[in-house]
């Protein structure tokens, strides 16, 4: 599997709506596509006006597998970017409350 960053801009109107989407994503990934996609982490973006977007990091067999996962989980996909390398300067800080 390769590593990808997925940009989802203004995909949700609220934190609770994003939580529902995360539950769908987890279920589809774990139960329907465990050999094709694996969700690693997401960063939630404050898009203003209460809406949120995300930058999600996934391992996947291909961009098509990511699109298939998103379709099944009813998730937006604005852009899929292959990750060339990872540079960790510091570990992620404690997660903010969503």
PDB file of N, CA and C in Angstrom:
ATOM      1  N   UNK A   1       0.843  -1.183   0.000  1.00  0.00           N
ATOM      2  CA  UNK A   1       0.000   0.000   0.000  1.00  0.00           C
ATOM      3  C   UNK A   1       0.886   1.243   0.000  1.00  0.00           C
ATOM      4  N   UNK A   2       0.368   2.285  -0.592  1.00  0.00           N
ATOM      5  CA  UNK A   2       1.051   3.577  -0.655  1.00  0.00           C
ATOM      6  C   UNK A   2       0.359   4.556   0.292  1.00  0.00           C
ATOM      7  N   UNK A   3       1.058   5.634   0.627  1.00  0.00           N
ATOM      8  CA  UNK A   3       0.517   6.653   1.527  1.00  0.00           C
ATOM      9  C   UNK A   3      -0.034   7.823   0.708  1.00  0.00           C
ATOM     10  N   UNK A   4      -1.221   8.312   1.107  1.00  0.00           N
ATOM     11  CA  UNK A   4      -1.888   9.415   0.405  1.00  0.00           C
ATOM     12  C   UNK A   4      -2.432  10.434   1.404  1.00  0.00           C
ATOM     13  N   UNK A   5      -2.438  11.697   0.989  1.00  0.00           N
ATOM     14  CA  UNK A   5      -3.134  12.756   1.722  1.00  0.00           C
ATOM     15  C   UNK A   5      -4.402  13.070   0.928  1.00  0.00           C
ATOM     16  N   UNK A   6      -5.529  13.147   1.624  1.00  0.00           N
ATOM     17  CA  UNK A   6      -6.811  13.431   0.977  1.00  0.00           C
ATOM     18  C   UNK A   6      -7.348  14.732   1.540  1.00  0.00           C
ATOM     19  N   UNK A   7      -7.595  15.684   0.663  1.00  0.00           N
ATOM     20  CA  UNK A   7      -8.141  16.979   1.058  1.00  0.00           C
ATOM     21  C   UNK A   7      -9.655  16.953   0.888  1.00  0.00           C
ATOM     22  N   UNK A   8     -10.349  17.281   1.976  1.00  0.00           N
ATOM     23  CA  UNK A   8     -11.811  17.343   1.964  1.00  0.00           C
ATOM     24  C   UNK A   8     -12.194  18.721   2.505  1.00  0.00           C
ATOM     25  N   UNK A   9     -12.440  19.689   1.631  1.00  0.00           N
ATOM     26  CA  UNK A   9     -12.714  21.070   2.039  1.00  0.00           C
ATOM     27  C   UNK A   9     -14.189  21.265   2.349  1.00  0.00           C
ATOM     28  N   UNK A  10     -14.467  21.895   3.484  1.00  0.00           N
ATOM     29  CA  UNK A  10     -15.835  22.253   3.902  1.00  0.00           C
ATOM     30  C   UNK A  10     -16.813  21.100   3.700  1.00  0.00           C
ATOM     31  N   UNK A  11     -16.403  19.920   4.072  1.00  0.00           N
ATOM     32  CA  UNK A  11     -17.233  18.736   3.859  1.00  0.00           C
ATOM     33  C   UNK A  11     -18.385  18.593   4.829  1.00  0.00           C
ATOM     34  N   UNK A  12     -18.286  19.266   5.990  1.00  0.00           N
ATOM     35  CA  UNK A  12     -19.296  19.075   7.025  1.00  0.00           C
ATOM     36  C   UNK A  12     -19.662  20.399   7.663  1.00  0.00           C
ATOM     37  N   UNK A  13     -20.922  20.499   8.071  1.00  0.00           N
ATOM     38  CA  UNK A  13     -21.426  21.741   8.671  1.00  0.00           C
ATOM     39  C   UNK A  13     -21.135  21.840  10.163  1.00  0.00           C
ATOM     40  N   UNK A  14     -20.732  20.720  10.788  1.00  0.00           N
ATOM     41  CA  UNK A  14     -20.515  20.741  12.230  1.00  0.00           C
ATOM     42  C   UNK A  14     -19.632  19.569  12.650  1.00  0.00           C
ATOM     43  N   UNK A  15     -19.115  19.663  13.876  1.00  0.00           N
ATOM     44  CA  UNK A  15     -18.335  18.570  14.435  1.00  0.00           C
ATOM     45  C   UNK A  15     -19.115  17.276  14.538  1.00  0.00           C
ATOM     46  N   UNK A  16     -20.372  17.314  15.043  1.00  0.00           N
ATOM     47  CA  UNK A  16     -21.150  16.073  15.118  1.00  0.00           C
ATOM     48  C   UNK A  16     -21.376  15.422  13.743  1.00  0.00           C
ATOM     49  N   UNK A  17     -21.572  16.233  12.713  1.00  0.00           N
ATOM     50  CA  UNK A  17     -21.740  15.683  11.361  1.00  0.00           C
ATOM     51  C   UNK A  17     -20.449  14.989  10.926  1.00  0.00           C
ATOM     52  N   UNK A  18     -19.301  15.576  11.258  1.00  0.00           N
ATOM     53  CA  UNK A  18     -18.011  14.962  10.949  1.00  0.00           C
ATOM     54  C   UNK A  18     -17.842  13.649  11.712  1.00  0.00           C
ATOM     55  N   UNK A  19     -18.273  13.607  12.967  1.00  0.00           N
ATOM     56  CA  UNK A  19     -18.179  12.376  13.757  1.00  0.00           C
ATOM     57  C   UNK A  19     -18.980  11.244  13.112  1.00  0.00           C
ATOM     58  N   UNK A  20     -20.162  11.562  12.587  1.00  0.00           N
ATOM     59  CA  UNK A  20     -20.964  10.546  11.889  1.00  0.00           C
ATOM     60  C   UNK A  20     -20.229  10.043  10.651  1.00  0.00           C
ATOM     61  N   UNK A  21     -19.612  10.964   9.922  1.00  0.00           N
ATOM     62  CA  UNK A  21     -18.859  10.576   8.725  1.00  0.00           C
ATOM     63  C   UNK A  21     -17.668   9.700   9.099  1.00  0.00           C
ATOM     64  N   UNK A  22     -17.011  10.022  10.201  1.00  0.00           N
ATOM     65  CA  UNK A  22     -15.866   9.226  10.653  1.00  0.00           C
ATOM     66  C   UNK A  22     -16.296   7.803  10.999  1.00  0.00           C
ATOM     67  N   UNK A  23     -17.462   7.668  11.609  1.00  0.00           N
ATOM     68  CA  UNK A  23     -17.974   6.326  11.941  1.00  0.00           C
ATOM     69  C   UNK A  23     -18.246   5.527  10.663  1.00  0.00           C
ATOM     70  N   UNK A  24     -18.840   6.181   9.652  1.00  0.00           N
ATOM     71  CA  UNK A  24     -19.094   5.488   8.377  1.00  0.00           C
ATOM     72  C   UNK A  24     -17.774   5.079   7.720  1.00  0.00           C
ATOM     73  N   UNK A  25     -16.804   5.999   7.743  1.00  0.00           N
ATOM     74  CA  UNK A  25     -15.510   5.736   7.137  1.00  0.00           C
ATOM     75  C   UNK A  25     -14.824   4.546   7.793  1.00  0.00           C
ATOM     76  N   UNK A  26     -14.842   4.516   9.106  1.00  0.00           N
ATOM     77  CA  UNK A  26     -14.219   3.428   9.845  1.00  0.00           C
ATOM     78  C   UNK A  26     -14.887   2.096   9.513  1.00  0.00           C
ATOM     79  N   UNK A  27     -16.207   2.089   9.497  1.00  0.00           N
ATOM     80  CA  UNK A  27     -16.942   0.850   9.218  1.00  0.00           C
ATOM     81  C   UNK A  27     -16.621   0.326   7.815  1.00  0.00           C
ATOM     82  N   UNK A  28     -16.694   1.201   6.811  1.00  0.00           N
ATOM     83  CA  UNK A  28     -16.419   0.771   5.434  1.00  0.00           C
ATOM     84  C   UNK A  28     -14.977   0.277   5.311  1.00  0.00           C
ATOM     85  N   UNK A  29     -14.033   1.043   5.871  1.00  0.00           N
ATOM     86  CA  UNK A  29     -12.632   0.644   5.779  1.00  0.00           C
ATOM     87  C   UNK A  29     -12.336  -0.670   6.472  1.00  0.00           C
ATOM     88  N   UNK A  30     -12.853  -0.822   7.677  1.00  0.00           N
ATOM     89  CA  UNK A  30     -12.559  -2.024   8.460  1.00  0.00           C
ATOM     90  C   UNK A  30     -13.324  -3.255   8.003  1.00  0.00           C
ATOM     91  N   UNK A  31     -14.578  -3.073   7.586  1.00  0.00           N
ATOM     92  CA  UNK A  31     -15.427  -4.222   7.282  1.00  0.00           C
ATOM     93  C   UNK A  31     -15.509  -4.568   5.797  1.00  0.00           C
ATOM     94  N   UNK A  32     -15.458  -3.556   4.932  1.00  0.00           N
ATOM     95  CA  UNK A  32     -15.659  -3.812   3.503  1.00  0.00           C
ATOM     96  C   UNK A  32     -14.377  -3.769   2.672  1.00  0.00           C
ATOM     97  N   UNK A  33     -13.366  -3.003   3.127  1.00  0.00           N
ATOM     98  CA  UNK A  33     -12.187  -2.787   2.297  1.00  0.00           C
ATOM     99  C   UNK A  33     -10.872  -2.875   3.079  1.00  0.00           C
ATOM    100  N   UNK A  34     -10.740  -3.794   4.032  1.00  0.00           N
ATOM    101  CA  UNK A  34      -9.538  -3.787   4.876  1.00  0.00           C
ATOM    102  C   UNK A  34      -8.223  -4.040   4.128  1.00  0.00           C
ATOM    103  N   UNK A  35      -8.289  -4.675   2.979  1.00  0.00           N
ATOM    104  CA  UNK A  35      -7.076  -4.934   2.202  1.00  0.00           C
ATOM    105  C   UNK A  35      -6.788  -3.857   1.163  1.00  0.00           C
ATOM    106  N   UNK A  36      -7.671  -2.826   1.092  1.00  0.00           N
ATOM    107  CA  UNK A  36      -7.503  -1.777   0.080  1.00  0.00           C
ATOM    108  C   UNK A  36      -7.214  -0.405   0.663  1.00  0.00           C
ATOM    109  N   UNK A  37      -7.798  -0.085   1.822  1.00  0.00           N
ATOM    110  CA  UNK A  37      -7.583   1.234   2.431  1.00  0.00           C
ATOM    111  C   UNK A  37      -7.406   1.086   3.935  1.00  0.00           C
ATOM    112  N   UNK A  38      -6.599   1.971   4.490  1.00  0.00           N
ATOM    113  CA  UNK A  38      -6.396   2.009   5.937  1.00  0.00           C
ATOM    114  C   UNK A  38      -6.252   3.462   6.361  1.00  0.00           C
ATOM    115  N   UNK A  39      -7.180   3.929   7.189  1.00  0.00           N
ATOM    116  CA  UNK A  39      -7.170   5.308   7.683  1.00  0.00           C
ATOM    117  C   UNK A  39      -6.101   5.417   8.759  1.00  0.00           C
ATOM    118  N   UNK A  40      -5.194   6.374   8.600  1.00  0.00           N
ATOM    119  CA  UNK A  40      -4.103   6.557   9.549  1.00  0.00           C
ATOM    120  C   UNK A  40      -4.424   7.678  10.537  1.00  0.00           C
ATOM    121  N   UNK A  41      -4.758   8.864  10.029  1.00  0.00           N
ATOM    122  CA  UNK A  41      -5.104  10.007  10.886  1.00  0.00           C
ATOM    123  C   UNK A  41      -5.741  11.080  10.046  1.00  0.00           C
ATOM    124  N   UNK A  42      -6.364  12.042  10.729  1.00  0.00           N
ATOM    125  CA  UNK A  42      -6.951  13.204  10.050  1.00  0.00           C
ATOM    126  C   UNK A  42      -6.685  14.455  10.867  1.00  0.00           C
ATOM    127  N   UNK A  43      -6.543  15.544  10.167  1.00  0.00           N
ATOM    128  CA  UNK A  43      -6.454  16.863  10.772  1.00  0.00           C
ATOM    129  C   UNK A  43      -7.719  17.608  10.374  1.00  0.00           C
ATOM    130  N   UNK A  44      -8.446  18.109  11.354  1.00  0.00           N
ATOM    131  CA  UNK A  44      -9.702  18.812  11.101  1.00  0.00           C
ATOM    132  C   UNK A  44      -9.395  20.281  10.854  1.00  0.00           C
ATOM    133  N   UNK A  45      -9.952  20.814   9.769  1.00  0.00           N
ATOM    134  CA  UNK A  45      -9.715  22.200   9.357  1.00  0.00           C
ATOM    135  C   UNK A  45     -10.904  23.070   9.711  1.00  0.00           C
ATOM    136  N   UNK A  46     -10.641  24.199  10.333  1.00  0.00           N
ATOM    137  CA  UNK A  46     -11.691  25.178  10.608  1.00  0.00           C
ATOM    138  C   UNK A  46     -11.906  25.967   9.328  1.00  0.00           C
ATOM    139  N   UNK A  47     -13.023  25.749   8.665  1.00  0.00           N
ATOM    140  CA  UNK A  47     -13.300  26.379   7.377  1.00  0.00           C
ATOM    141  C   UNK A  47     -14.101  27.671   7.525  1.00  0.00           C
ATOM    142  N   UNK A  48     -14.389  28.067   8.762  1.00  0.00           N
ATOM    143  CA  UNK A  48     -15.146  29.296   8.995  1.00  0.00           C
ATOM    144  C   UNK A  48     -16.641  29.045   8.937  1.00  0.00           C
ATOM    145  N   UNK A  49     -17.378  29.839   9.645  1.00  0.00           N
ATOM    146  CA  UNK A  49     -18.825  29.727   9.645  1.00  0.00           C
ATOM    147  C   UNK A  49     -19.337  28.435  10.258  1.00  0.00           C
ATOM    148  N   UNK A  50     -18.500  27.766  11.036  1.00  0.00           N
ATOM    149  CA  UNK A  50     -18.919  26.522  11.678  1.00  0.00           C
ATOM    150  C   UNK A  50     -18.647  25.270  10.877  1.00  0.00           C
ATOM    151  N   UNK A  51     -18.318  25.412   9.586  1.00  0.00           N
ATOM    152  CA  UNK A  51     -18.055  24.221   8.785  1.00  0.00           C
ATOM    153  C   UNK A  51     -16.613  23.756   8.992  1.00  0.00           C
ATOM    154  N   UNK A  52     -16.413  22.453   8.772  1.00  0.00           N
ATOM    155  CA  UNK A  52     -15.082  21.881   8.917  1.00  0.00           C
ATOM    156  C   UNK A  52     -14.737  21.044   7.694  1.00  0.00           C
ATOM    157  N   UNK A  53     -13.468  20.975   7.436  1.00  0.00           N
ATOM    158  CA  UNK A  53     -12.929  20.111   6.399  1.00  0.00           C
ATOM    159  C   UNK A  53     -11.863  19.240   7.047  1.00  0.00           C
ATOM    160  N   UNK A  54     -11.203  18.413   6.256  1.00  0.00           N
ATOM    161  CA  UNK A  54     -10.140  17.573   6.800  1.00  0.00           C
ATOM    162  C   UNK A  54      -9.012  17.385   5.791  1.00  0.00           C
ATOM    163  N   UNK A  55      -7.853  17.102   6.330  1.00  0.00           N
ATOM    164  CA  UNK A  55      -6.749  16.527   5.585  1.00  0.00           C
ATOM    165  C   UNK A  55      -6.564  15.157   6.206  1.00  0.00           C
ATOM    166  N   UNK A  56      -6.818  14.116   5.425  1.00  0.00           N
ATOM    167  CA  UNK A  56      -6.765  12.749   5.928  1.00  0.00           C
ATOM    168  C   UNK A  56      -5.544  12.035   5.357  1.00  0.00           C
ATOM    169  N   UNK A  57      -4.905  11.249   6.182  1.00  0.00           N
ATOM    170  CA  UNK A  57      -3.778  10.437   5.747  1.00  0.00           C
ATOM    171  C   UNK A  57      -4.253   8.984   5.711  1.00  0.00           C
ATOM    172  N   UNK A  58      -4.131   8.382   4.550  1.00  0.00           N
ATOM    173  CA  UNK A  58      -4.559   6.993   4.340  1.00  0.00           C
ATOM    174  C   UNK A  58      -3.432   6.203   3.692  1.00  0.00           C
ATOM    175  N   UNK A  59      -3.393   4.922   3.991  1.00  0.00           N
ATOM    176  CA  UNK A  59      -2.664   3.962   3.180  1.00  0.00           C
ATOM    177  C   UNK A  59      -3.704   3.345   2.264  1.00  0.00           C
ATOM    178  N   UNK A  60      -3.353   3.167   1.000  1.00  0.00           N
ATOM    179  CA  UNK A  60      -4.307   2.584   0.062  1.00  0.00           C
ATOM    180  C   UNK A  60      -3.565   1.922  -1.086  1.00  0.00           C
ATOM    181  N   UNK A  61      -4.270   1.017  -1.748  1.00  0.00           N
ATOM    182  CA  UNK A  61      -3.688   0.340  -2.895  1.00  0.00           C
ATOM    183  C   UNK A  61      -3.627   1.247  -4.118  1.00  0.00           C
ATOM    184  N   UNK A  62      -4.512   2.277  -4.148  1.00  0.00           N
ATOM    185  CA  UNK A  62      -4.540   3.188  -5.295  1.00  0.00           C
ATOM    186  C   UNK A  62      -5.470   4.364  -4.994  1.00  0.00           C
ATOM    187  N   UNK A  63      -5.373   5.444  -5.772  1.00  0.00           N
ATOM    188  CA  UNK A  63      -6.342   6.532  -5.632  1.00  0.00           C
ATOM    189  C   UNK A  63      -7.771   6.053  -5.908  1.00  0.00           C
ATOM    190  N   UNK A  64      -7.916   5.087  -6.816  1.00  0.00           N
ATOM    191  CA  UNK A  64      -9.249   4.564  -7.119  1.00  0.00           C
ATOM    192  C   UNK A  64      -9.861   3.881  -5.892  1.00  0.00           C
ATOM    193  N   UNK A  65      -9.041   3.190  -5.105  1.00  0.00           N
ATOM    194  CA  UNK A  65      -9.535   2.555  -3.881  1.00  0.00           C
ATOM    195  C   UNK A  65     -10.006   3.615  -2.886  1.00  0.00           C
ATOM    196  N   UNK A  66      -9.309   4.734  -2.821  1.00  0.00           N
ATOM    197  CA  UNK A  66      -9.722   5.832  -1.938  1.00  0.00           C
ATOM    198  C   UNK A  66     -11.059   6.398  -2.402  1.00  0.00           C
ATOM    199  N   UNK A  67     -11.216   6.599  -3.700  1.00  0.00           N
ATOM    200  CA  UNK A  67     -12.487   7.106  -4.234  1.00  0.00           C
ATOM    201  C   UNK A  67     -13.632   6.124  -3.972  1.00  0.00           C
ATOM    202  N   UNK A  68     -13.372   4.836  -4.138  1.00  0.00           N
ATOM    203  CA  UNK A  68     -14.377   3.800  -3.882  1.00  0.00           C
ATOM    204  C   UNK A  68     -14.780   3.818  -2.409  1.00  0.00           C
ATOM    205  N   UNK A  69     -13.815   3.918  -1.514  1.00  0.00           N
ATOM    206  CA  UNK A  69     -14.081   4.001  -0.074  1.00  0.00           C
ATOM    207  C   UNK A  69     -14.921   5.234   0.228  1.00  0.00           C
ATOM    208  N   UNK A  70     -14.536   6.379  -0.334  1.00  0.00           N
ATOM    209  CA  UNK A  70     -15.268   7.626  -0.095  1.00  0.00           C
ATOM    210  C   UNK A  70     -16.710   7.523  -0.588  1.00  0.00           C
ATOM    211  N   UNK A  71     -16.898   6.914  -1.736  1.00  0.00           N
ATOM    212  CA  UNK A  71     -18.244   6.750  -2.274  1.00  0.00           C
ATOM    213  C   UNK A  71     -19.100   5.880  -1.360  1.00  0.00           C
ATOM    214  N   UNK A  72     -18.547   4.770  -0.929  1.00  0.00           N
ATOM    215  CA  UNK A  72     -19.299   3.867  -0.046  1.00  0.00           C
ATOM    216  C   UNK A  72     -19.612   4.505   1.306  1.00  0.00           C
ATOM    217  N   UNK A  73     -18.700   5.355   1.804  1.00  0.00           N
ATOM    218  CA  UNK A  73     -18.891   5.993   3.112  1.00  0.00           C
ATOM    219  C   UNK A  73     -19.560   7.360   3.007  1.00  0.00           C
ATOM    220  N   UNK A  74     -19.905   7.780   1.789  1.00  0.00           N
ATOM    221  CA  UNK A  74     -20.535   9.078   1.550  1.00  0.00           C
ATOM    222  C   UNK A  74     -19.664  10.219   2.065  1.00  0.00           C
ATOM    223  N   UNK A  75     -18.397  10.234   1.616  1.00  0.00           N
ATOM    224  CA  UNK A  75     -17.427  11.258   2.008  1.00  0.00           C
ATOM    225  C   UNK A  75     -17.024  12.069   0.781  1.00  0.00           C
ATOM    226  N   UNK A  76     -16.790  13.366   0.949  1.00  0.00           N
ATOM    227  CA  UNK A  76     -16.283  14.159  -0.165  1.00  0.00           C
ATOM    228  C   UNK A  76     -14.793  13.867  -0.394  1.00  0.00           C
ATOM    229  N   UNK A  77     -14.346  14.061  -1.620  1.00  0.00           N
ATOM    230  CA  UNK A  77     -12.918  13.990  -1.946  1.00  0.00           C
ATOM    231  C   UNK A  77     -12.633  15.123  -2.915  1.00  0.00           C
ATOM    232  N   UNK A  78     -11.869  16.106  -2.464  1.00  0.00           N
ATOM    233  CA  UNK A  78     -11.499  17.214  -3.343  1.00  0.00           C
ATOM    234  C   UNK A  78     -10.193  16.949  -4.063  1.00  0.00           C
ATOM    235  N   UNK A  79      -9.263  16.305  -3.362  1.00  0.00           N
ATOM    236  CA  UNK A  79      -7.966  16.045  -3.974  1.00  0.00           C
ATOM    237  C   UNK A  79      -7.300  14.870  -3.271  1.00  0.00           C
ATOM    238  N   UNK A  80      -6.627  14.026  -4.047  1.00  0.00           N
ATOM    239  CA  UNK A  80      -5.833  12.917  -3.520  1.00  0.00           C
ATOM    240  C   UNK A  80      -4.395  13.155  -3.956  1.00  0.00           C
ATOM    241  N   UNK A  81      -3.496  13.212  -2.972  1.00  0.00           N
ATOM    242  CA  UNK A  81      -2.101  13.543  -3.250  1.00  0.00           C
ATOM    243  C   UNK A  81      -1.207  12.424  -2.728  1.00  0.00           C
ATOM    244  N   UNK A  82      -0.414  11.781  -3.592  1.00  0.00           N
ATOM    245  CA  UNK A  82       0.521  10.770  -3.100  1.00  0.00           C
ATOM    246  C   UNK A  82       1.559  11.427  -2.182  1.00  0.00           C
ATOM    247  N   UNK A  83       1.880  10.757  -1.084  1.00  0.00           N
ATOM    248  CA  UNK A  83       2.891  11.258  -0.149  1.00  0.00           C
ATOM    249  C   UNK A  83       4.233  10.672  -0.569  1.00  0.00           C
ATOM    250  N   UNK A  84       5.203  11.547  -0.834  1.00  0.00           N
ATOM    251  CA  UNK A  84       6.522  11.103  -1.283  1.00  0.00           C
ATOM    252  C   UNK A  84       7.401  10.659  -0.115  1.00  0.00           C
ATOM    253  N   UNK A  85       7.262  11.314   1.035  1.00  0.00           N
ATOM    254  CA  UNK A  85       8.115  11.008   2.177  1.00  0.00           C
ATOM    255  C   UNK A  85       7.497  11.642   3.417  1.00  0.00           C
ATOM    256  N   UNK A  86       7.963  11.255   4.579  1.00  0.00           N
ATOM    257  CA  UNK A  86       7.485  11.814   5.836  1.00  0.00           C
ATOM    258  C   UNK A  86       8.679  12.348   6.615  1.00  0.00           C
ATOM    259  N   UNK A  87       8.565  13.566   7.094  1.00  0.00           N
ATOM    260  CA  UNK A  87       9.573  14.167   7.946  1.00  0.00           C
ATOM    261  C   UNK A  87       8.881  14.522   9.258  1.00  0.00           C
ATOM    262  N   UNK A  88       9.280  13.886  10.347  1.00  0.00           N
ATOM    263  CA  UNK A  88       8.680  14.156  11.646  1.00  0.00           C
ATOM    264  C   UNK A  88       9.680  14.971  12.460  1.00  0.00           C
ATOM    265  N   UNK A  89       9.341  16.236  12.706  1.00  0.00           N
ATOM    266  CA  UNK A  89      10.196  17.096  13.508  1.00  0.00           C
ATOM    267  C   UNK A  89       9.832  16.921  14.988  1.00  0.00           C
ATOM    268  N   UNK A  90       8.561  16.883  15.253  1.00  0.00           N
ATOM    269  CA  UNK A  90       8.028  16.643  16.583  1.00  0.00           C
ATOM    270  C   UNK A  90       6.783  15.779  16.446  1.00  0.00           C
ATOM    271  N   UNK A  91       6.473  14.991  17.458  1.00  0.00           N
ATOM    272  CA  UNK A  91       5.205  14.248  17.385  1.00  0.00           C
ATOM    273  C   UNK A  91       4.021  15.220  17.413  1.00  0.00           C
ATOM    274  N   UNK A  92       2.889  14.767  16.895  1.00  0.00           N
ATOM    275  CA  UNK A  92       1.696  15.601  16.931  1.00  0.00           C
ATOM    276  C   UNK A  92       1.407  16.014  18.378  1.00  0.00           C
ATOM    277  N   UNK A  93       0.988  17.268  18.585  1.00  0.00           N
ATOM    278  CA  UNK A  93       0.602  17.671  19.926  1.00  0.00           C
ATOM    279  C   UNK A  93      -0.675  16.945  20.348  1.00  0.00           C
ATOM    280  N   UNK A  94      -1.035  17.081  21.610  1.00  0.00           N
ATOM    281  CA  UNK A  94      -2.273  16.468  22.083  1.00  0.00           C
ATOM    282  C   UNK A  94      -3.418  16.913  21.180  1.00  0.00           C
ATOM    283  N   UNK A  95      -4.314  15.992  20.820  1.00  0.00           N
ATOM    284  CA  UNK A  95      -5.430  16.365  19.931  1.00  0.00           C
ATOM    285  C   UNK A  95      -6.343  17.403  20.590  1.00  0.00           C
ATOM    286  N   UNK A  96      -6.808  18.312  19.770  1.00  0.00           N
ATOM    287  CA  UNK A  96      -7.781  19.294  20.224  1.00  0.00           C
ATOM    288  C   UNK A  96      -9.135  18.616  20.359  1.00  0.00           C
ATOM    289  N   UNK A  97      -9.989  19.164  21.167  1.00  0.00           N
ATOM    290  CA  UNK A  97     -11.333  18.601  21.267  1.00  0.00           C
ATOM    291  C   UNK A  97     -12.114  18.988  20.025  1.00  0.00           C
ATOM    292  N   UNK A  98     -12.785  18.015  19.454  1.00  0.00           N
ATOM    293  CA  UNK A  98     -13.539  18.266  18.204  1.00  0.00           C
ATOM    294  C   UNK A  98     -14.937  18.712  18.500  1.00  0.00           C
TER     295      UNK A  98
END
